[in-house]
Amino acid sequence: KCCEKGRSMIEMLGVLAIVGVLSVGGIAGYSKAMRKVRSERTTTQVN
């Protein structure tokens, strides 16, 4: 049972690491997309 718990903990940490990486990438992608939307909208407004 001890060994099984060890494997579960390692797997959990791996999943958390992957989720963390994906979250950072998602936030960066969202920020970039929002910047593009604001830029295009500002230009349209001015025109």
All heavy atoms as atom14 arrays in JSON, in Angstrom:
{
  "sequence": "KCCEKGRSMIEMLGVLAIVGVLSVGGIAGYSKAMRKVRSERTTTQVN",
  "atom14_mask": [
    [1, 1, 1, 1, 1, 1, 1, 1, 1, 0, 0, 0, 0, 0],
    [1, 1, 1, 1, 1, 1, 0, 0, 0, 0, 0, 0, 0, 0],
    [1, 1, 1, 1, 1, 1, 0, 0, 0, 0, 0, 0, 0, 0],
    [1, 1, 1, 1, 1, 1, 1, 1, 1, 0, 0, 0, 0, 0],
    [1, 1, 1, 1, 1, 1, 1, 1, 1, 0, 0, 0, 0, 0],
    [1, 1, 1, 1, 0, 0, 0, 0, 0, 0, 0, 0, 0, 0],
    [1, 1, 1, 1, 1, 1, 1, 1, 1, 1, 1, 0, 0, 0],
    [1, 1, 1, 1, 1, 1, 0, 0, 0, 0, 0, 0, 0, 0],
    [1, 1, 1, 1, 1, 1, 1, 1, 0, 0, 0, 0, 0, 0],
    [1, 1, 1, 1, 1, 1, 1, 1, 0, 0, 0, 0, 0, 0],
    [1, 1, 1, 1, 1, 1, 1, 1, 1, 0, 0, 0, 0, 0],
    [1, 1, 1, 1, 1, 1, 1, 1, 0, 0, 0, 0, 0, 0],
    [1, 1, 1, 1, 1, 1, 1, 1, 0, 0, 0, 0, 0, 0],
    [1, 1, 1, 1, 0, 0, 0, 0, 0, 0, 0, 0, 0, 0],
    [1, 1, 1, 1, 1, 1, 1, 0, 0, 0, 0, 0, 0, 0],
    [1, 1, 1, 1, 1, 1, 1, 1, 0, 0, 0, 0, 0, 0],
    [1, 1, 1, 1, 1, 0, 0, 0, 0, 0, 0, 0, 0, 0],
    [1, 1, 1, 1, 1, 1, 1, 1, 0, 0, 0, 0, 0, 0],
    [1, 1, 1, 1, 1, 1, 1, 0, 0, 0, 0, 0, 0, 0],
    [1, 1, 1, 1, 0, 0, 0, 0, 0, 0, 0, 0, 0, 0],
    [1, 1, 1, 1, 1, 1, 1, 0, 0, 0, 0, 0, 0, 0],
    [1, 1, 1, 1, 1, 1, 1, 1, 0, 0, 0, 0, 0, 0],
    [1, 1, 1, 1, 1, 1, 0, 0, 0, 0, 0, 0, 0, 0],
    [1, 1, 1, 1, 1, 1, 1, 0, 0, 0, 0, 0, 0, 0],
    [1, 1, 1, 1, 0, 0, 0, 0, 0, 0, 0, 0, 0, 0],
    [1, 1, 1, 1, 0, 0, 0, 0, 0, 0, 0, 0, 0, 0],
    [1, 1, 1, 1, 1, 1, 1, 1, 0, 0, 0, 0, 0, 0],
    [1, 1, 1, 1, 1, 0, 0, 0, 0, 0, 0, 0, 0, 0],
    [1, 1, 1, 1, 0, 0, 0, 0, 0, 0, 0, 0, 0, 0],
    [1, 1, 1, 1, 1, 1, 1, 1, 1, 1, 1, 1, 0, 0],
    [1, 1, 1, 1, 1, 1, 0, 0, 0, 0, 0, 0, 0, 0],
    [1, 1, 1, 1, 1, 1, 1, 1, 1, 0, 0, 0, 0, 0],
    [1, 1, 1, 1, 1, 0, 0, 0, 0, 0, 0, 0, 0, 0],
    [1, 1, 1, 1, 1, 1, 1, 1, 0, 0, 0, 0, 0, 0],
    [1, 1, 1, 1, 1, 1, 1, 1, 1, 1, 1, 0, 0, 0],
    [1, 1, 1, 1, 1, 1, 1, 1, 1, 0, 0, 0, 0, 0],
    [1, 1, 1, 1, 1, 1, 1, 0, 0, 0, 0, 0, 0, 0],
    [1, 1, 1, 1, 1, 1, 1, 1, 1, 1, 1, 0, 0, 0],
    [1, 1, 1, 1, 1, 1, 0, 0, 0, 0, 0, 0, 0, 0],
    [1, 1, 1, 1, 1, 1, 1, 1, 1, 0, 0, 0, 0, 0],
    [1, 1, 1, 1, 1, 1, 1, 1, 1, 1, 1, 0, 0, 0],
    [1, 1, 1, 1, 1, 1, 1, 0, 0, 0, 0, 0, 0, 0],
    [1, 1, 1, 1, 1, 1, 1, 0, 0, 0, 0, 0, 0, 0],
    [1, 1, 1, 1, 1, 1, 1, 0, 0, 0, 0, 0, 0, 0],
    [1, 1, 1, 1, 1, 1, 1, 1, 1, 0, 0, 0, 0, 0],
    [1, 1, 1, 1, 1, 1, 1, 0, 0, 0, 0, 0, 0, 0],
    [1, 1, 1, 1, 1, 1, 1, 1, 0, 0, 0, 0, 0, 0]
  ],
  "atom14_positions": [
    [[0.82, -1.21, 0.0], [0.0, 0.0, 0.0], [0.86, 1.25, 0.0], [0.53, 2.25, -0.61], [-0.92, 0.01, 1.21], [-2.03, -1.02, 1.13], [-2.94, -0.92, 2.33], [-4.07, -1.95, 2.23], [-4.96, -1.89, 3.4], [0.0, 0.0, 0.0], [0.0, 0.0, 0.0], [0.0, 0.0, 0.0], [0.0, 0.0, 0.0], [0.0, 0.0, 0.0]],
    [[2.0, 1.17, 0.7], [2.91, 2.32, 0.76], [3.42, 2.67, -0.63], [3.45, 3.82, -1.02], [4.08, 2.0, 1.68], [5.3, 3.32, 1.79], [0.0, 0.0, 0.0], [0.0, 0.0, 0.0], [0.0, 0.0, 0.0], [0.0, 0.0, 0.0], [0.0, 0.0, 0.0], [0.0, 0.0, 0.0], [0.0, 0.0, 0.0], [0.0, 0.0, 0.0]],
    [[3.8, 1.67, -1.38], [4.32, 1.89, -2.74], [3.25, 2.46, -3.65], [3.5, 3.33, -4.46], [4.85, 0.57, -3.33], [6.3, -0.06, -2.47], [0.0, 0.0, 0.0], [0.0, 0.0, 0.0], [0.0, 0.0, 0.0], [0.0, 0.0, 0.0], [0.0, 0.0, 0.0], [0.0, 0.0, 0.0], [0.0, 0.0, 0.0], [0.0, 0.0, 0.0]],
    [[2.02, 1.95, -3.51], [0.93, 2.44, -4.33], [0.66, 3.92, -4.05], [0.41, 4.71, -4.94], [-0.33, 1.61, -4.07], [-0.24, 0.19, -4.64], [-1.45, -0.64, -4.28], [-2.3, -0.13, -3.51], [-1.55, -1.78, -4.76], [0.0, 0.0, 0.0], [0.0, 0.0, 0.0], [0.0, 0.0, 0.0], [0.0, 0.0, 0.0], [0.0, 0.0, 0.0]],
    [[0.72, 4.29, -2.77], [0.51, 5.69, -2.41], [1.6, 6.56, -3.02], [1.36, 7.67, -3.47], [0.51, 5.85, -0.89], [-0.74, 5.34, -0.22], [-0.69, 5.59, 1.26], [-1.97, 5.09, 1.93], [-1.94, 5.28, 3.39], [0.0, 0.0, 0.0], [0.0, 0.0, 0.0], [0.0, 0.0, 0.0], [0.0, 0.0, 0.0], [0.0, 0.0, 0.0]],
    [[2.83, 6.05, -3.04], [3.93, 6.81, -3.61], [3.71, 7.08, -5.08], [3.91, 8.18, -5.56], [0.0, 0.0, 0.0], [0.0, 0.0, 0.0], [0.0, 0.0, 0.0], [0.0, 0.0, 0.0], [0.0, 0.0, 0.0], [0.0, 0.0, 0.0], [0.0, 0.0, 0.0], [0.0, 0.0, 0.0], [0.0, 0.0, 0.0], [0.0, 0.0, 0.0]],
    [[3.27, 6.08, -5.81], [3.02, 6.26, -7.24], [1.89, 7.27, -7.46], [1.93, 8.11, -8.34], [2.67, 4.91, -7.87], [3.87, 3.99, -8.07], [3.55, 2.89, -9.04], [2.44, 2.05, -8.56], [2.59, 0.96, -7.8], [3.8, 0.6, -7.41], [1.54, 0.26, -7.42], [0.0, 0.0, 0.0], [0.0, 0.0, 0.0], [0.0, 0.0, 0.0]],
    [[0.86, 7.22, -6.65], [-0.27, 8.14, -6.79], [0.16, 9.59, -6.56], [-0.27, 10.51, -7.25], [-1.38, 7.76, -5.8], [-1.87, 6.49, -6.08], [0.0, 0.0, 0.0], [0.0, 0.0, 0.0], [0.0, 0.0, 0.0], [0.0, 0.0, 0.0], [0.0, 0.0, 0.0], [0.0, 0.0, 0.0], [0.0, 0.0, 0.0], [0.0, 0.0, 0.0]],
    [[1.02, 9.79, -5.58], [1.5, 11.14, -5.29], [2.33, 11.69, -6.45], [2.19, 12.84, -6.84], [2.33, 11.12, -4.01], [2.81, 12.52, -3.58], [1.43, 13.62, -3.17], [0.88, 12.87, -1.64], [0.0, 0.0, 0.0], [0.0, 0.0, 0.0], [0.0, 0.0, 0.0], [0.0, 0.0, 0.0], [0.0, 0.0, 0.0], [0.0, 0.0, 0.0]],
    [[3.19, 10.86, -7.01], [4.02, 11.29, -8.14], [3.14, 11.63, -9.34], [3.35, 12.64, -10.01], [5.02, 10.18, -8.51], [6.06, 10.03, -7.4], [5.71, 10.49, -9.84], [6.97, 8.83, -7.58], [0.0, 0.0, 0.0], [0.0, 0.0, 0.0], [0.0, 0.0, 0.0], [0.0, 0.0, 0.0], [0.0, 0.0, 0.0], [0.0, 0.0, 0.0]],
    [[2.14, 10.8, -9.57], [1.22, 11.06, -10.69], [0.46, 12.37, -10.48], [0.27, 13.16, -11.41], [0.24, 9.89, -10.81], [0.88, 8.62, -11.33], [-0.03, 7.42, -11.2], [-1.15, 7.58, -10.64], [0.37, 6.34, -11.63], [0.0, 0.0, 0.0], [0.0, 0.0, 0.0], [0.0, 0.0, 0.0], [0.0, 0.0, 0.0], [0.0, 0.0, 0.0]],
    [[0.04, 12.59, -9.23], [-0.69, 13.83, -8.93], [0.18, 15.06, -9.17], [-0.26, 16.06, -9.74], [-1.16, 13.81, -7.48], [-2.13, 14.96, -7.17], [-2.53, 15.16, -5.43], [-2.74, 13.5, -4.87], [0.0, 0.0, 0.0], [0.0, 0.0, 0.0], [0.0, 0.0, 0.0], [0.0, 0.0, 0.0], [0.0, 0.0, 0.0], [0.0, 0.0, 0.0]],
    [[1.43, 14.98, -8.73], [2.35, 16.1, -8.93], [2.59, 16.35, -10.41], [2.7, 17.49, -10.86], [3.68, 15.82, -8.21], [3.62, 15.84, -6.68], [4.96, 15.38, -6.1], [3.26, 17.23, -6.17], [0.0, 0.0, 0.0], [0.0, 0.0, 0.0], [0.0, 0.0, 0.0], [0.0, 0.0, 0.0], [0.0, 0.0, 0.0], [0.0, 0.0, 0.0]],
    [[2.67, 15.25, -11.17], [2.86, 15.38, -12.62], [1.68, 16.08, -13.27], [1.84, 16.97, -14.12], [0.0, 0.0, 0.0], [0.0, 0.0, 0.0], [0.0, 0.0, 0.0], [0.0, 0.0, 0.0], [0.0, 0.0, 0.0], [0.0, 0.0, 0.0], [0.0, 0.0, 0.0], [0.0, 0.0, 0.0], [0.0, 0.0, 0.0], [0.0, 0.0, 0.0]],
    [[0.47, 15.69, -12.85], [-0.74, 16.31, -13.38], [-0.79, 17.79, -13.03], [-1.12, 18.65, -13.86], [-1.99, 15.59, -12.85], [-3.25, 16.38, -13.2], [-2.08, 14.18, -13.42], [0.0, 0.0, 0.0], [0.0, 0.0, 0.0], [0.0, 0.0, 0.0], [0.0, 0.0, 0.0], [0.0, 0.0, 0.0], [0.0, 0.0, 0.0], [0.0, 0.0, 0.0]],
    [[-0.46, 18.11, -11.78], [-0.48, 19.51, -11.34], [0.53, 20.34, -12.13], [0.26, 21.5, -12.48], [-0.17, 19.59, -9.84], [-1.27, 19.09, -8.91], [-0.79, 19.09, -7.46], [-2.53, 19.94, -9.05], [0.0, 0.0, 0.0], [0.0, 0.0, 0.0], [0.0, 0.0, 0.0], [0.0, 0.0, 0.0], [0.0, 0.0, 0.0], [0.0, 0.0, 0.0]],
    [[1.69, 19.75, -12.41], [2.71, 20.46, -13.19], [2.21, 20.76, -14.59], [2.39, 21.86, -15.12], [3.99, 19.64, -13.23], [0.0, 0.0, 0.0], [0.0, 0.0, 0.0], [0.0, 0.0, 0.0], [0.0, 0.0, 0.0], [0.0, 0.0, 0.0], [0.0, 0.0, 0.0], [0.0, 0.0, 0.0], [0.0, 0.0, 0.0], [0.0, 0.0, 0.0]],
    [[1.57, 19.77, -15.19], [1.04, 19.95, -16.56], [-0.06, 21.01, -16.56], [-0.1, 21.89, -17.43], [0.48, 18.61, -17.09], [1.63, 17.62, -17.32], [-0.28, 18.83, -18.4], [1.18, 16.21, -17.63], [0.0, 0.0, 0.0], [0.0, 0.0, 0.0], [0.0, 0.0, 0.0], [0.0, 0.0, 0.0], [0.0, 0.0, 0.0], [0.0, 0.0, 0.0]],
    [[-0.95, 20.94, -15.57], [-2.02, 21.95, -15.47], [-1.43, 23.34, -15.3], [-1.9, 24.31, -15.9], [-2.96, 21.62, -14.29], [-3.91, 22.79, -14.03], [-3.74, 20.36, -14.58], [0.0, 0.0, 0.0], [0.0, 0.0, 0.0], [0.0, 0.0, 0.0], [0.0, 0.0, 0.0], [0.0, 0.0, 0.0], [0.0, 0.0, 0.0], [0.0, 0.0, 0.0]],
    [[-0.38, 23.45, -14.49], [0.26, 24.75, -14.28], [0.83, 25.31, -15.56], [0.65, 26.5, -15.88], [0.0, 0.0, 0.0], [0.0, 0.0, 0.0], [0.0, 0.0, 0.0], [0.0, 0.0, 0.0], [0.0, 0.0, 0.0], [0.0, 0.0, 0.0], [0.0, 0.0, 0.0], [0.0, 0.0, 0.0], [0.0, 0.0, 0.0], [0.0, 0.0, 0.0]],
    [[1.51, 24.47, -16.34], [2.1, 24.91, -17.61], [1.02, 25.35, -18.58], [1.12, 26.39, -19.23], [2.96, 23.78, -18.24], [3.37, 24.15, -19.65], [4.19, 23.51, -17.39], [0.0, 0.0, 0.0], [0.0, 0.0, 0.0], [0.0, 0.0, 0.0], [0.0, 0.0, 0.0], [0.0, 0.0, 0.0], [0.0, 0.0, 0.0], [0.0, 0.0, 0.0]],
    [[-0.04, 24.54, -18.66], [-1.15, 24.88, -19.57], [-1.85, 26.17, -19.15], [-2.26, 26.97, -20.0], [-2.16, 23.73, -19.61], [-1.67, 22.43, -20.26], [-2.74, 21.35, -20.14], [-1.32, 22.67, -21.73], [0.0, 0.0, 0.0], [0.0, 0.0, 0.0], [0.0, 0.0, 0.0], [0.0, 0.0, 0.0], [0.0, 0.0, 0.0], [0.0, 0.0, 0.0]],
    [[-1.96, 26.39, -17.85], [-2.62, 27.6, -17.35], [-1.82, 28.84, -17.72], [-2.37, 29.85, -18.19], [-2.77, 27.53, -15.83], [-3.63, 26.49, -15.47], [0.0, 0.0, 0.0], [0.0, 0.0, 0.0], [0.0, 0.0, 0.0], [0.0, 0.0, 0.0], [0.0, 0.0, 0.0], [0.0, 0.0, 0.0], [0.0, 0.0, 0.0], [0.0, 0.0, 0.0]],
    [[-0.5, 28.76, -17.53], [0.37, 29.9, -17.87], [0.28, 30.19, -19.36], [0.15, 31.34, -19.79], [1.83, 29.61, -17.46], [2.75, 30.7, -18.02], [1.95, 29.55, -15.95], [0.0, 0.0, 0.0], [0.0, 0.0, 0.0], [0.0, 0.0, 0.0], [0.0, 0.0, 0.0], [0.0, 0.0, 0.0], [0.0, 0.0, 0.0], [0.0, 0.0, 0.0]],
    [[0.32, 29.14, -20.17], [0.22, 29.32, -21.62], [-1.12, 29.89, -22.03], [-1.21, 30.74, -22.91], [0.0, 0.0, 0.0], [0.0, 0.0, 0.0], [0.0, 0.0, 0.0], [0.0, 0.0, 0.0], [0.0, 0.0, 0.0], [0.0, 0.0, 0.0], [0.0, 0.0, 0.0], [0.0, 0.0, 0.0], [0.0, 0.0, 0.0], [0.0, 0.0, 0.0]],
    [[-2.18, 29.4, -21.35], [-3.51, 29.89, -21.67], [-3.69, 31.36, -21.33], [-4.28, 32.12, -22.09], [0.0, 0.0, 0.0], [0.0, 0.0, 0.0], [0.0, 0.0, 0.0], [0.0, 0.0, 0.0], [0.0, 0.0, 0.0], [0.0, 0.0, 0.0], [0.0, 0.0, 0.0], [0.0, 0.0, 0.0], [0.0, 0.0, 0.0], [0.0, 0.0, 0.0]],
    [[-3.16, 31.78, -20.19], [-3.25, 33.19, -19.77], [-2.49, 34.08, -20.74], [-2.97, 35.15, -21.13], [-2.71, 33.36, -18.34], [-3.65, 32.66, -17.34], [-2.56, 34.83, -17.99], [-3.11, 32.6, -15.93], [0.0, 0.0, 0.0], [0.0, 0.0, 0.0], [0.0, 0.0, 0.0], [0.0, 0.0, 0.0], [0.0, 0.0, 0.0], [0.0, 0.0, 0.0]],
    [[-1.3, 33.63, -21.14], [-0.49, 34.42, -22.08], [-1.21, 34.54, -23.42], [-1.25, 35.62, -24.03], [0.87, 33.77, -22.27], [0.0, 0.0, 0.0], [0.0, 0.0, 0.0], [0.0, 0.0, 0.0], [0.0, 0.0, 0.0], [0.0, 0.0, 0.0], [0.0, 0.0, 0.0], [0.0, 0.0, 0.0], [0.0, 0.0, 0.0], [0.0, 0.0, 0.0]],
    [[-1.79, 33.43, -23.88], [-2.52, 33.45, -25.15], [-3.74, 34.35, -25.08], [-4.04, 35.08, -26.03], [0.0, 0.0, 0.0], [0.0, 0.0, 0.0], [0.0, 0.0, 0.0], [0.0, 0.0, 0.0], [0.0, 0.0, 0.0], [0.0, 0.0, 0.0], [0.0, 0.0, 0.0], [0.0, 0.0, 0.0], [0.0, 0.0, 0.0], [0.0, 0.0, 0.0]],
    [[-4.45, 34.3, -23.95], [-5.64, 35.14, -23.77], [-5.26, 36.62, -23.77], [-5.93, 37.44, -24.41], [-6.32, 34.77, -22.46], [-7.51, 35.64, -22.13], [-8.73, 35.45, -22.76], [-7.4, 36.67, -21.19], [-9.83, 36.24, -22.47], [-8.5, 37.47, -20.89], [-9.7, 37.26, -21.52], [-10.78, 38.06, -21.23], [0.0, 0.0, 0.0], [0.0, 0.0, 0.0]],
    [[-4.17, 36.95, -23.08], [-3.72, 38.34, -23.01], [-3.37, 38.86, -24.4], [-3.7, 40.0, -24.76], [-2.51, 38.46, -22.08], [-2.86, 38.11, -20.76], [0.0, 0.0, 0.0], [0.0, 0.0, 0.0], [0.0, 0.0, 0.0], [0.0, 0.0, 0.0], [0.0, 0.0, 0.0], [0.0, 0.0, 0.0], [0.0, 0.0, 0.0], [0.0, 0.0, 0.0]],
    [[-2.69, 38.04, -25.17], [-2.3, 38.43, -26.52], [-3.52, 38.63, -27.4], [-3.61, 39.59, -28.17], [-1.38, 37.37, -27.13], [-0.83, 37.74, -28.5], [0.14, 36.69, -29.0], [0.72, 37.09, -30.35], [1.69, 36.07, -30.84], [0.0, 0.0, 0.0], [0.0, 0.0, 0.0], [0.0, 0.0, 0.0], [0.0, 0.0, 0.0], [0.0, 0.0, 0.0]],
    [[-4.49, 37.73, -27.27], [-5.71, 37.84, -28.07], [-6.49, 39.09, -27.7], [-7.01, 39.8, -28.58], [-6.58, 36.59, -27.85], [0.0, 0.0, 0.0], [0.0, 0.0, 0.0], [0.0, 0.0, 0.0], [0.0, 0.0, 0.0], [0.0, 0.0, 0.0], [0.0, 0.0, 0.0], [0.0, 0.0, 0.0], [0.0, 0.0, 0.0], [0.0, 0.0, 0.0]],
    [[-6.59, 39.39, -26.4], [-7.32, 40.57, -25.97], [-6.63, 41.85, -26.43], [-7.29, 42.83, -26.79], [-7.44, 40.58, -24.44], [-8.44, 39.57, -23.9], [-10.09, 39.76, -24.65], [-10.51, 41.41, -24.11], [0.0, 0.0, 0.0], [0.0, 0.0, 0.0], [0.0, 0.0, 0.0], [0.0, 0.0, 0.0], [0.0, 0.0, 0.0], [0.0, 0.0, 0.0]],
    [[-5.29, 41.85, -26.44], [-4.55, 43.01, -26.93], [-4.86, 43.25, -28.4], [-5.04, 44.4, -28.84], [-3.05, 42.8, -26.73], [-2.22, 44.06, -27.04], [-0.73, 43.83, -26.89], [-0.4, 43.38, -25.54], [0.09, 42.19, -25.25], [0.29, 41.3, -26.2], [0.37, 41.88, -24.0], [0.0, 0.0, 0.0], [0.0, 0.0, 0.0], [0.0, 0.0, 0.0]],
    [[-4.93, 42.18, -29.17], [-5.24, 42.31, -30.6], [-6.65, 42.83, -30.8], [-6.88, 43.7, -31.64], [-5.09, 40.94, -31.28], [-5.36, 40.99, -32.78], [-5.16, 39.64, -33.44], [-5.42, 39.73, -34.94], [-5.26, 38.41, -35.61], [0.0, 0.0, 0.0], [0.0, 0.0, 0.0], [0.0, 0.0, 0.0], [0.0, 0.0, 0.0], [0.0, 0.0, 0.0]],
    [[-7.61, 42.33, -30.0], [-8.99, 42.79, -30.11], [-9.08, 44.29, -29.79], [-9.73, 45.05, -30.51], [-9.9, 41.99, -29.15], [-11.28, 42.64, -29.04], [-10.04, 40.55, -29.63], [0.0, 0.0, 0.0], [0.0, 0.0, 0.0], [0.0, 0.0, 0.0], [0.0, 0.0, 0.0], [0.0, 0.0, 0.0], [0.0, 0.0, 0.0], [0.0, 0.0, 0.0]],
    [[-8.42, 44.71, -28.71], [-8.46, 46.12, -28.32], [-7.8, 47.0, -29.39], [-8.29, 48.09, -29.69], [-7.77, 46.32, -26.97], [-8.53, 45.75, -25.79], [-7.95, 46.25, -24.48], [-8.59, 45.63, -23.34], [-8.07, 44.64, -22.64], [-6.88, 44.14, -22.97], [-8.7, 44.11, -21.6], [0.0, 0.0, 0.0], [0.0, 0.0, 0.0], [0.0, 0.0, 0.0]],
    [[-6.69, 46.54, -29.93], [-5.97, 47.3, -30.95], [-6.84, 47.49, -32.18], [-6.97, 48.61, -32.7], [-4.68, 46.56, -31.32], [-4.03, 47.21, -32.4], [0.0, 0.0, 0.0], [0.0, 0.0, 0.0], [0.0, 0.0, 0.0], [0.0, 0.0, 0.0], [0.0, 0.0, 0.0], [0.0, 0.0, 0.0], [0.0, 0.0, 0.0], [0.0, 0.0, 0.0]],
    [[-7.46, 46.41, -32.65], [-8.3, 46.49, -33.84], [-9.53, 47.34, -33.59], [-9.95, 48.12, -34.45], [-8.7, 45.09, -34.29], [-7.53, 44.27, -34.83], [-7.92, 42.85, -35.22], [-9.05, 42.44, -34.88], [-7.1, 42.16, -35.85], [0.0, 0.0, 0.0], [0.0, 0.0, 0.0], [0.0, 0.0, 0.0], [0.0, 0.0, 0.0], [0.0, 0.0, 0.0]],
    [[-10.11, 47.22, -32.39], [-11.3, 47.99, -32.09], [-10.98, 49.48, -31.98], [-11.74, 50.32, -32.45], [-11.93, 47.49, -30.78], [-13.25, 48.21, -30.43], [-14.23, 48.13, -31.58], [-15.35, 49.07, -31.44], [-16.05, 49.54, -32.45], [-15.76, 49.17, -33.7], [-17.06, 50.37, -32.24], [0.0, 0.0, 0.0], [0.0, 0.0, 0.0], [0.0, 0.0, 0.0]],
    [[-9.85, 49.81, -31.38], [-9.45, 51.21, -31.26], [-9.28, 51.84, -32.64], [-9.74, 52.95, -32.9], [-8.14, 51.34, -30.46], [-8.36, 50.89, -29.12], [-7.67, 52.8, -30.41], [0.0, 0.0, 0.0], [0.0, 0.0, 0.0], [0.0, 0.0, 0.0], [0.0, 0.0, 0.0], [0.0, 0.0, 0.0], [0.0, 0.0, 0.0], [0.0, 0.0, 0.0]],
    [[-8.61, 51.13, -33.54], [-8.41, 51.63, -34.91], [-9.75, 51.82, -35.61], [-9.97, 52.83, -36.29], [-7.53, 50.65, -35.71], [-6.26, 50.51, -35.05], [-7.3, 51.17, -37.11], [0.0, 0.0, 0.0], [0.0, 0.0, 0.0], [0.0, 0.0, 0.0], [0.0, 0.0, 0.0], [0.0, 0.0, 0.0], [0.0, 0.0, 0.0], [0.0, 0.0, 0.0]],
    [[-10.66, 50.87, -35.44], [-11.98, 50.97, -36.06], [-12.74, 52.16, -35.5], [-13.39, 52.92, -36.24], [-12.78, 49.67, -35.82], [-12.08, 48.57, -36.39], [-14.17, 49.77, -36.44], [0.0, 0.0, 0.0], [0.0, 0.0, 0.0], [0.0, 0.0, 0.0], [0.0, 0.0, 0.0], [0.0, 0.0, 0.0], [0.0, 0.0, 0.0], [0.0, 0.0, 0.0]],
    [[-12.69, 52.34, -34.18], [-13.37, 53.47, -33.54], [-12.88, 54.8, -34.11], [-13.67, 55.68, -34.45], [-13.12, 53.45, -32.03], [-13.82, 52.36, -31.26], [-13.41, 52.35, -29.8], [-12.29, 52.72, -29.45], [-14.31, 51.93, -28.93], [0.0, 0.0, 0.0], [0.0, 0.0, 0.0], [0.0, 0.0, 0.0], [0.0, 0.0, 0.0], [0.0, 0.0, 0.0]],
    [[-11.56, 54.93, -34.2], [-10.97, 56.19, -34.67], [-11.36, 56.46, -36.13], [-11.74, 57.58, -36.48], [-9.43, 56.15, -34.52], [-8.79, 57.34, -35.22], [-9.06, 56.15, -33.04], [0.0, 0.0, 0.0], [0.0, 0.0, 0.0], [0.0, 0.0, 0.0], [0.0, 0.0, 0.0], [0.0, 0.0, 0.0], [0.0, 0.0, 0.0], [0.0, 0.0, 0.0]],
    [[-11.27, 55.44, -36.97], [-11.63, 55.61, -38.37], [-13.09, 56.01, -38.53], [-13.42, 56.9, -39.32], [-11.37, 54.31, -39.14], [-9.96, 54.21, -39.67], [-9.44, 55.15, -40.26], [-9.32, 53.07, -39.45], [0.0, 0.0, 0.0], [0.0, 0.0, 0.0], [0.0, 0.0, 0.0], [0.0, 0.0, 0.0], [0.0, 0.0, 0.0], [0.0, 0.0, 0.0]]
  ]
}
